[in-house]
Amino acid sequence: MAEIDQKWKENAPGKMFVDQSCIACDACVLSAPNNFAMHEEDGHAFVKKQPASAEEEAACKEAMDGCPVEAIGDFGEKA
């Protein structure tokens, strides 16, 4: 389960976030490329854009469900 106090600072403000347990598998970027990106220098994913439509919400849910280390949370700050 993602830990809010371990979230990466690169995450866009809002409820979705990636924490420091990310192993850079790229699954979230493949599932929701509009919302997730990889930090090339540090080798971890982060939320580049909070979901803004039902389609993006569904893609982010798929990314969260597919994360092998449960590094994605959806209980961060209110947008």
Protein backbone atom coordinates (compact mmCIF):
# COMPACT_ATOMS: atom_id res chain seq x y z
CA MET A 1 0.00 0.00 0.00
CA ALA A 2 1.35 3.42 -0.96
CA GLU A 3 2.50 5.63 1.90
CA ILE A 4 1.54 9.31 1.71
CA ASP A 5 4.56 10.33 3.78
CA GLN A 6 6.84 8.57 1.25
CA LYS A 7 5.45 10.18 -1.91
CA TRP A 8 7.88 11.65 -4.44
CA LYS A 9 8.05 15.45 -4.57
CA GLU A 10 7.63 15.35 -8.36
CA ASN A 11 3.99 14.20 -8.05
CA ALA A 12 1.49 16.76 -9.33
CA PRO A 13 -0.67 18.09 -6.46
CA GLY A 14 -3.87 16.11 -5.94
CA LYS A 15 -5.14 12.77 -4.76
CA MET A 16 -3.05 10.42 -6.97
CA PHE A 17 0.61 9.89 -6.08
CA VAL A 18 3.53 7.48 -6.40
CA ASP A 19 5.63 6.70 -3.34
CA GLN A 20 9.27 5.70 -2.89
CA SER A 21 8.56 1.97 -3.12
CA CYS A 22 8.34 2.39 -6.93
CA ILE A 23 10.66 0.00 -8.80
CA ALA A 24 10.45 1.84 -12.16
CA CYS A 25 8.71 -1.05 -13.92
CA ASP A 26 6.95 1.41 -16.26
CA ALA A 27 3.54 -0.32 -15.91
CA CYS A 28 1.78 2.88 -14.82
CA VAL A 29 3.24 4.87 -17.71
CA LEU A 30 2.05 2.21 -20.15
CA SER A 31 -1.45 2.13 -18.58
CA ALA A 32 -1.92 5.89 -18.16
CA PRO A 33 0.65 7.77 -20.26
CA ASN A 34 -1.25 11.06 -19.93
CA ASN A 35 -0.93 10.93 -16.15
CA PHE A 36 2.30 9.12 -15.24
CA ALA A 37 5.92 9.69 -16.25
CA MET A 38 9.32 8.29 -15.34
CA HIS A 39 11.94 10.44 -13.62
CA GLU A 40 14.91 9.59 -15.81
CA GLU A 41 17.67 10.58 -13.35
CA ASP A 42 16.24 8.94 -10.22
CA GLY A 43 14.52 5.99 -11.91
CA HIS A 44 11.00 6.18 -10.50
CA ALA A 45 7.52 7.00 -11.71
CA PHE A 46 5.46 9.99 -10.62
CA VAL A 47 2.08 11.54 -11.36
CA LYS A 48 2.73 14.21 -13.97
CA LYS A 49 -0.96 15.18 -14.29
CA GLN A 50 -3.89 14.39 -12.06
CA PRO A 51 -6.77 12.62 -13.86
CA ALA A 52 -9.23 15.13 -15.30
CA SER A 53 -11.77 12.89 -17.05
CA ALA A 54 -13.55 9.59 -16.56
CA GLU A 55 -11.21 8.04 -19.13
CA GLU A 56 -8.11 9.23 -17.24
CA GLU A 57 -9.62 8.10 -13.92
CA ALA A 58 -10.11 4.61 -15.39
CA ALA A 59 -6.56 4.53 -16.78
CA CYS A 60 -5.13 5.61 -13.41
CA LYS A 61 -7.18 2.95 -11.62
CA GLU A 62 -5.80 0.37 -14.04
CA ALA A 63 -2.27 1.65 -13.33
CA MET A 64 -2.85 1.48 -9.59
CA ASP A 65 -4.28 -2.06 -9.80
CA GLY A 66 -1.39 -3.19 -12.00
CA CYS A 67 1.42 -1.79 -9.86
CA PRO A 68 3.44 -4.82 -8.68
CA VAL A 69 4.64 -3.08 -5.50
CA GLU A 70 1.50 -1.04 -4.72
CA ALA A 71 3.43 2.23 -5.01
CA ILE A 72 0.43 4.22 -6.33
CA GLY A 73 -2.03 5.82 -3.95
CA ASP A 74 -5.27 7.71 -4.51
CA PHE A 75 -5.78 9.30 -1.12
CA GLY A 76 -3.45 12.30 -1.30
CA GLU A 77 -4.34 15.98 -1.18
CA LYS A 78 -7.64 17.22 -2.46
CA ALA A 79 -7.28 18.82 -5.86
